[in-house]
C-alpha atoms as a PDB file:
ATOM      1  CA  MET A   1    -140.004  84.258 -86.326  1.00  0.00           C
ATOM      2  CA  GLU A   2    -143.317  86.092 -86.931  1.00  0.00           C
ATOM      3  CA  ASN A   3    -142.166  87.148 -90.550  1.00  0.00           C
ATOM      4  CA  GLN A   4    -141.021  83.693 -91.079  1.00  0.00           C
ATOM      5  CA  LEU A   5    -144.703  82.568 -90.191  1.00  0.00           C
ATOM      6  CA  LEU A   6    -146.352  84.348 -92.082  1.00  0.00           C
ATOM      7  CA  ARG A   7    -144.111  84.165 -95.484  1.00  0.00           C
ATOM      8  CA  LYS A   8    -146.447  83.355 -98.643  1.00  0.00           C
ATOM      9  CA  PRO A   9    -145.628  79.607 -99.445  1.00  0.00           C
ATOM     10  CA  ARG A  10    -144.827  79.571-103.210  1.00  0.00           C
ATOM     11  CA  VAL A  11    -147.099  77.131-105.350  1.00  0.00           C
ATOM     12  CA  LEU A  12    -146.134  75.562-108.803  1.00  0.00           C
ATOM     13  CA  CYS A  13    -149.307  74.917-110.217  1.00  0.00           C
ATOM     14  CA  LEU A  14    -150.223  72.552-112.995  1.00  0.00           C
ATOM     15  CA  HIS A  15    -153.176  72.305-115.118  1.00  0.00           C
ATOM     16  CA  SER A  16    -155.380  69.790-116.204  1.00  0.00           C
ATOM     17  CA  PHE A  17    -155.519  67.803-119.680  1.00  0.00           C
ATOM     18  CA  ARG A  18    -155.628  69.868-122.911  1.00  0.00           C
ATOM     19  CA  SER A  19    -155.224  73.071-120.646  1.00  0.00           C
ATOM     20  CA  SER A  20    -153.294  75.765-120.156  1.00  0.00           C
ATOM     21  CA  GLY A  21    -151.586  77.287-116.716  1.00  0.00           C
ATOM     22  CA  LYS A  22    -153.799  80.517-117.937  1.00  0.00           C
ATOM     23  CA  ILE A  23    -157.003  78.507-117.859  1.00  0.00           C
ATOM     24  CA  PHE A  24    -156.210  77.130-114.508  1.00  0.00           C
ATOM     25  CA  GLU A  25    -155.171  80.533-113.363  1.00  0.00           C
ATOM     26  CA  GLU A  26    -158.583  82.067-114.159  1.00  0.00           C
ATOM     27  CA  GLN A  27    -160.445  78.685-112.837  1.00  0.00           C
ATOM     28  CA  THR A  28    -159.391  79.552-109.554  1.00  0.00           C
ATOM     29  CA  GLN A  29    -159.887  83.240-109.780  1.00  0.00           C
ATOM     30  CA  ILE A  30    -163.580  81.562-107.887  1.00  0.00           C
ATOM     31  CA  TRP A  31    -161.724  80.753-105.055  1.00  0.00           C
ATOM     32  CA  PRO A  32    -161.795  83.546-101.867  1.00  0.00           C
ATOM     33  CA  GLU A  33    -159.591  85.919-102.019  1.00  0.00           C
ATOM     34  CA  PHE A  34    -157.136  84.687 -98.784  1.00  0.00           C
ATOM     35  CA  VAL A  35    -155.752  82.179-101.202  1.00  0.00           C
ATOM     36  CA  ARG A  36    -154.323  84.453-103.434  1.00  0.00           C
ATOM     37  CA  GLU A  37    -153.288  86.891-100.346  1.00  0.00           C
ATOM     38  CA  LYS A  38    -151.747  84.007 -98.469  1.00  0.00           C
ATOM     39  CA  MET A  39    -149.939  81.947-101.182  1.00  0.00           C
ATOM     40  CA  ASP A  40    -148.069  82.861-104.427  1.00  0.00           C
ATOM     41  CA  LEU A  41    -149.512  81.305-107.311  1.00  0.00           C
ATOM     42  CA  VAL A  42    -147.165  80.215-110.096  1.00  0.00           C
ATOM     43  CA  PHE A  43    -148.719  79.042-113.257  1.00  0.00           C
ATOM     44  CA  ILE A  44    -147.023  77.276-116.168  1.00  0.00           C
ATOM     45  CA  ASP A  45    -148.089  75.263-119.519  1.00  0.00           C
ATOM     46  CA  ALA A  46    -146.939  71.788-120.123  1.00  0.00           C
ATOM     47  CA  LEU A  47    -144.751  70.807-122.232  1.00  0.00           C
ATOM     48  CA  PHE A  48    -146.745  69.366-125.045  1.00  0.00           C
ATOM     49  CA  PRO A  49    -149.247  70.915-127.488  1.00  0.00           C
ATOM     50  CA  ALA A  50    -152.781  68.909-127.107  1.00  0.00           C
ATOM     51  CA  GLY A  51    -153.048  66.608-129.214  1.00  0.00           C
ATOM     52  CA  GLY A  52    -156.718  66.129-129.499  1.00  0.00           C
ATOM     53  CA  LEU A  53    -160.163  68.128-128.539  1.00  0.00           C
ATOM     54  CA  LYS A  54    -160.276  70.891-126.607  1.00  0.00           C
ATOM     55  CA  GLU A  55    -162.779  72.258-124.450  1.00  0.00           C
ATOM     56  CA  LEU A  56    -165.567  73.743-126.807  1.00  0.00           C
ATOM     57  CA  GLY A  57    -167.666  76.597-125.852  1.00  0.00           C
ATOM     58  CA  SER A  58    -165.294  78.108-123.583  1.00  0.00           C
ATOM     59  CA  GLU A  59    -163.606  81.604-123.590  1.00  0.00           C
ATOM     60  CA  GLU A  60    -160.067  79.941-124.276  1.00  0.00           C
ATOM     61  CA  GLU A  61    -161.343  77.571-127.013  1.00  0.00           C
ATOM     62  CA  PHE A  62    -159.082  78.943-129.587  1.00  0.00           C
ATOM     63  CA  ASP A  63    -156.019  79.576-127.182  1.00  0.00           C
ATOM     64  CA  PRO A  64    -152.965  77.117-126.927  1.00  0.00           C
ATOM     65  CA  HIS A  65    -153.880  73.696-124.926  1.00  0.00           C
ATOM     66  CA  TYR A  66    -151.180  71.777-123.580  1.00  0.00           C
ATOM     67  CA  GLU A  67    -150.797  68.057-121.759  1.00  0.00           C
ATOM     68  CA  TRP A  68    -148.458  66.816-119.573  1.00  0.00           C
ATOM     69  CA  PHE A  69    -147.580  62.867-120.963  1.00  0.00           C
ATOM     70  CA  GLN A  70    -150.281  60.999-122.883  1.00  0.00           C
ATOM     71  CA  SER A  71    -151.874  57.432-122.195  1.00  0.00           C
ATOM     72  CA  ASN A  72    -153.790  55.150-123.888  1.00  0.00           C
ATOM     73  CA  GLN A  73    -157.725  54.464-123.914  1.00  0.00           C
ATOM     74  CA  ASP A  74    -157.277  52.438-120.753  1.00  0.00           C
ATOM     75  CA  PHE A  75    -154.605  54.120-118.769  1.00  0.00           C
ATOM     76  CA  SER A  76    -152.417  51.099-118.922  1.00  0.00           C
ATOM     77  CA  GLU A  77    -149.567  52.540-121.195  1.00  0.00           C
ATOM     78  CA  HIS A  78    -148.228  56.321-120.864  1.00  0.00           C
ATOM     79  CA  LYS A  79    -145.894  58.045-123.272  1.00  0.00           C
ATOM     80  CA  ASN A  80    -143.316  61.368-122.773  1.00  0.00           C
ATOM     81  CA  PHE A  81    -143.947  60.620-118.643  1.00  0.00           C
ATOM     82  CA  ASP A  82    -140.314  60.853-117.811  1.00  0.00           C
ATOM     83  CA  GLU A  83    -139.537  64.195-120.419  1.00  0.00           C
ATOM     84  CA  CYS A  84    -142.957  65.710-118.319  1.00  0.00           C
ATOM     85  CA  ILE A  85    -141.050  65.163-115.105  1.00  0.00           C
ATOM     86  CA  ALA A  86    -137.532  66.180-116.129  1.00  0.00           C
ATOM     87  CA  PHE A  87    -139.311  69.814-117.564  1.00  0.00           C
ATOM     88  CA  ILE A  88    -141.116  70.230-114.398  1.00  0.00           C
ATOM     89  CA  GLU A  89    -137.717  69.281-112.288  1.00  0.00           C
ATOM     90  CA  ASP A  90    -136.443  72.115-114.946  1.00  0.00           C
ATOM     91  CA  CYS A  91    -139.064  74.746-114.205  1.00  0.00           C
ATOM     92  CA  MET A  92    -138.580  74.165-110.507  1.00  0.00           C
ATOM     93  CA  THR A  93    -134.853  74.721-110.617  1.00  0.00           C
ATOM     94  CA  ARG A  94    -135.171  77.801-113.158  1.00  0.00           C
ATOM     95  CA  MET A  95    -138.508  79.928-111.107  1.00  0.00           C
ATOM     96  CA  GLY A  96    -138.224  77.757-107.695  1.00  0.00           C
ATOM     97  CA  PRO A  97    -137.395  77.892-104.779  1.00  0.00           C
ATOM     98  CA  PHE A  98    -140.973  76.340-104.452  1.00  0.00           C
ATOM     99  CA  ASP A  99    -142.532  75.121-101.346  1.00  0.00           C
ATOM    100  CA  GLY A 100    -145.489  72.747-102.559  1.00  0.00           C
ATOM    101  CA  LEU A 101    -147.214  71.608-106.119  1.00  0.00           C
ATOM    102  CA  MET A 102    -151.003  72.244-106.837  1.00  0.00           C
ATOM    103  CA  GLY A 103    -152.318  70.319-109.748  1.00  0.00           C
ATOM    104  CA  PHE A 104    -155.402  69.801-111.305  1.00  0.00           C
ATOM    105  CA  SER A 105    -156.706  66.228-112.904  1.00  0.00           C
ATOM    106  CA  GLN A 106    -153.827  65.239-115.010  1.00  0.00           C
ATOM    107  CA  GLY A 107    -151.252  67.836-113.110  1.00  0.00           C
ATOM    108  CA  VAL A 108    -152.145  65.979-110.246  1.00  0.00           C
ATOM    109  CA  ALA A 109    -150.162  62.830-111.138  1.00  0.00           C
ATOM    110  CA  LEU A 110    -147.220  64.635-110.770  1.00  0.00           C
ATOM    111  CA  THR A 111    -146.695  64.602-106.946  1.00  0.00           C
ATOM    112  CA  SER A 112    -143.783  62.509-106.948  1.00  0.00           C
ATOM    113  CA  VAL A 113    -141.791  65.447-107.552  1.00  0.00           C
ATOM    114  CA  PRO A 114    -139.171  65.620-104.848  1.00  0.00           C
ATOM    115  CA  LYS A 115    -138.335  68.047-102.272  1.00  0.00           C
ATOM    116  CA  ILE A 116    -141.654  69.989-101.884  1.00  0.00           C
ATOM    117  CA  LYS A 117    -143.600  70.923 -98.485  1.00  0.00           C
ATOM    118  CA  PHE A 118    -147.283  70.681 -99.526  1.00  0.00           C
ATOM    119  CA  VAL A 119    -149.686  69.321-102.228  1.00  0.00           C
ATOM    120  CA  ILE A 120    -152.753  70.472-103.325  1.00  0.00           C
ATOM    121  CA  LEU A 121    -154.609  68.015-105.053  1.00  0.00           C
ATOM    122  CA  ILE A 122    -157.862  68.741-107.198  1.00  0.00           C
ATOM    123  CA  SER A 123    -159.848  65.447-108.887  1.00  0.00           C
ATOM    124  CA  GLY A 124    -156.501  63.273-108.601  1.00  0.00           C
ATOM    125  CA  GLY A 125    -155.998  59.876-109.259  1.00  0.00           C
ATOM    126  CA  LYS A 126    -153.301  57.453-107.621  1.00  0.00           C
ATOM    127  CA  PHE A 127    -150.660  55.469-110.351  1.00  0.00           C
ATOM    128  CA  GLY A 128    -150.471  52.300-109.856  1.00  0.00           C
ATOM    129  CA  GLY A 129    -154.202  52.097-108.153  1.00  0.00           C
ATOM    130  CA  SER A 130    -157.381  50.727-109.621  1.00  0.00           C
ATOM    131  CA  MET A 131    -157.135  52.375-112.693  1.00  0.00           C
ATOM    132  CA  PHE A 132    -153.929  54.193-113.764  1.00  0.00           C
ATOM    133  CA  SER A 133    -150.739  51.801-114.375  1.00  0.00           C
ATOM    134  CA  SER A 134    -147.288  53.391-112.765  1.00  0.00           C
ATOM    135  CA  PRO A 135    -144.762  54.603-115.400  1.00  0.00           C
ATOM    136  CA  LYS A 136    -141.678  52.962-114.474  1.00  0.00           C
ATOM    137  CA  LEU A 137    -140.466  56.693-112.720  1.00  0.00           C
ATOM    138  CA  ALA A 138    -143.286  56.781-110.842  1.00  0.00           C
ATOM    139  CA  GLN A 139    -143.735  53.246-109.255  1.00  0.00           C
ATOM    140  CA  ASN A 140    -142.137  53.906-106.169  1.00  0.00           C
ATOM    141  CA  ALA A 141    -144.425  57.318-105.713  1.00  0.00           C
ATOM    142  CA  PHE A 142    -146.868  55.779-103.479  1.00  0.00           C
ATOM    143  CA  SER A 143    -144.838  52.807-101.765  1.00  0.00           C
ATOM    144  CA  SER A 144    -145.060  54.173 -98.411  1.00  0.00           C
ATOM    145  CA  PRO A 145    -147.132  56.718 -97.046  1.00  0.00           C
ATOM    146  CA  ILE A 146    -146.507  60.618 -97.986  1.00  0.00           C
ATOM    147  CA  GLN A 147    -146.083  62.788 -94.989  1.00  0.00           C
ATOM    148  CA  CYS A 148    -146.266  66.582 -96.319  1.00  0.00           C
ATOM    149  CA  PRO A 149    -149.380  68.342 -95.868  1.00  0.00           C
ATOM    150  CA  SER A 150    -151.858  67.478 -98.626  1.00  0.00           C
ATOM    151  CA  LEU A 151    -155.472  68.929 -99.322  1.00  0.00           C
ATOM    152  CA  HIS A 152    -157.624  67.118-101.694  1.00  0.00           C
ATOM    153  CA  LEU A 153    -160.681  68.523-103.264  1.00  0.00           C
ATOM    154  CA  PHE A 154    -163.185  66.528-105.338  1.00  0.00           C
ATOM    155  CA  GLY A 155    -166.829  66.224-106.274  1.00  0.00           C
ATOM    156  CA  GLU A 156    -169.771  64.007-105.858  1.00  0.00           C
ATOM    157  CA  LYS A 157    -170.539  64.127-109.603  1.00  0.00           C
ATOM    158  CA  ASP A 158    -166.634  64.027-110.368  1.00  0.00           C
ATOM    159  CA  ILE A 159    -165.605  61.287-112.672  1.00  0.00           C
ATOM    160  CA  ALA A 160    -162.194  60.759-111.122  1.00  0.00           C
ATOM    161  CA  LYS A 161    -164.000  60.592-107.045  1.00  0.00           C
ATOM    162  CA  SER A 162    -163.091  57.013-106.667  1.00  0.00           C
ATOM    163  CA  ASN A 163    -159.675  57.722-107.655  1.00  0.00           C
ATOM    164  CA  ALA A 164    -159.150  60.620-105.848  1.00  0.00           C
ATOM    165  CA  ILE A 165    -160.527  58.954-102.518  1.00  0.00           C
ATOM    166  CA  GLU A 166    -157.899  56.013-103.291  1.00  0.00           C
ATOM    167  CA  GLN A 167    -155.404  58.594-103.670  1.00  0.00           C
ATOM    168  CA  LEU A 168    -156.553  59.769 -99.851  1.00  0.00           C
ATOM    169  CA  ASP A 169    -154.775  56.288 -98.215  1.00  0.00           C
ATOM    170  CA  SER A 170    -151.385  57.440-100.110  1.00  0.00           C
ATOM    171  CA  PHE A 171    -151.482  60.791 -97.103  1.00  0.00           C
ATOM    172  CA  VAL A 172    -151.160  61.201 -93.864  1.00  0.00           C
ATOM    173  CA  ASP A 173    -153.757  63.509 -91.875  1.00  0.00           C
ATOM    174  CA  PRO A 174    -155.004  64.755 -95.581  1.00  0.00           C
ATOM    175  CA  PHE A 175    -157.359  67.757 -95.395  1.00  0.00           C
ATOM    176  CA  VAL A 176    -160.297  66.923 -97.749  1.00  0.00           C
ATOM    177  CA  ILE A 177    -162.548  69.291 -98.887  1.00  0.00           C
ATOM    178  CA  HIS A 178    -166.050  67.823-100.628  1.00  0.00           C
ATOM    179  CA  HIS A 179    -167.957  69.566-103.292  1.00  0.00           C
ATOM    180  CA  PRO A 180    -171.543  68.840-105.388  1.00  0.00           C
ATOM    181  CA  GLU A 181    -169.553  69.486-108.557  1.00  0.00           C
ATOM    182  CA  GLY A 182    -168.176  67.411-111.177  1.00  0.00           C
ATOM    183  CA  HIS A 183    -164.395  67.243-112.339  1.00  0.00           C
ATOM    184  CA  VAL A 184    -164.170  70.822-111.812  1.00  0.00           C
ATOM    185  CA  VAL A 185    -161.889  73.442-110.094  1.00  0.00           C
ATOM    186  CA  PRO A 186    -165.067  74.062-106.991  1.00  0.00           C
ATOM    187  CA  LYS A 187    -166.378  77.078-106.160  1.00  0.00           C
ATOM    188  CA  LEU A 188    -165.773  76.651-102.146  1.00  0.00           C
ATOM    189  CA  ASP A 189    -168.428  76.912 -99.798  1.00  0.00           C
ATOM    190  CA  GLU A 190    -168.154  78.495 -96.132  1.00  0.00           C
ATOM    191  CA  LYS A 191    -167.123  75.310 -95.175  1.00  0.00           C
ATOM    192  CA  GLY A 192    -164.643  74.882 -97.766  1.00  0.00           C
ATOM    193  CA  SER A 193    -163.208  78.157 -97.337  1.00  0.00           C
ATOM    194  CA  GLU A 194    -162.717  77.596 -93.639  1.00  0.00           C
ATOM    195  CA  ILE A 195    -160.780  74.079 -94.485  1.00  0.00           C
ATOM    196  CA  MET A 196    -158.863  75.696 -97.178  1.00  0.00           C
ATOM    197  CA  LEU A 197    -157.779  78.418 -94.646  1.00  0.00           C
ATOM    198  CA  LYS A 198    -157.065  76.046 -91.827  1.00  0.00           C
ATOM    199  CA  PHE A 199    -154.751  74.406 -94.109  1.00  0.00           C
ATOM    200  CA  ILE A 200    -153.031  77.697 -95.745  1.00  0.00           C
ATOM    201  CA  GLU A 201    -152.274  78.176 -91.992  1.00  0.00           C
ATOM    202  CA  LYS A 202    -150.853  75.201 -91.121  1.00  0.00           C
ATOM    203  CA  VAL A 203    -148.573  75.098 -94.330  1.00  0.00           C
ATOM    204  CA  GLN A 204    -147.094  78.745 -93.488  1.00  0.00           C
ATOM    205  CA  LYS A 205    -146.399  77.591 -89.642  1.00  0.00           C
ATOM    206  CA  GLN A 206    -144.250  74.783 -90.949  1.00  0.00           C
ATOM    207  CA  LEU A 207    -142.269  76.953 -93.702  1.00  0.00           C
END
């Protein structure tokens, strides 16, 4: 029983818009070491090559960048969303099993993938909410409260702050880490680290 409680949760990690698995992995290196010691994080690239400008000035400026799906300017229409979900489900089948998902920004939108035990959502938003219309495949994703444990991270200067707050209502008893930064994977202060550790320990006990 003790070994079962201490098993590392295996997490499929989905990067943000026009980014990559490599970049997302490097972004999480600022988190405390216990995150990688207590969770098995698996980072993958999205299906589609990035169709626009990359983040200029970054060390990864000339590396391959990817996106999960495409949206128009007002986020009322989405392209390739069904293909995106099918790709993730294929990855979960080939590389799994996985206990949870972690997504940053555009990667957060994929929490409707079934049969996961928890989610970690960084600067997320809600399909069918005030900002994002809902692709047909995701129309029922937030139709009822989501029972699995969830950890939400968003900043005071985050352009997606209102959307991240709106998303909280879809989850039962969410863990929340607030930070003073913008639309980034944040460095965790002492309080944030404590919340992250409590969340991981809760997840481990439910495996």
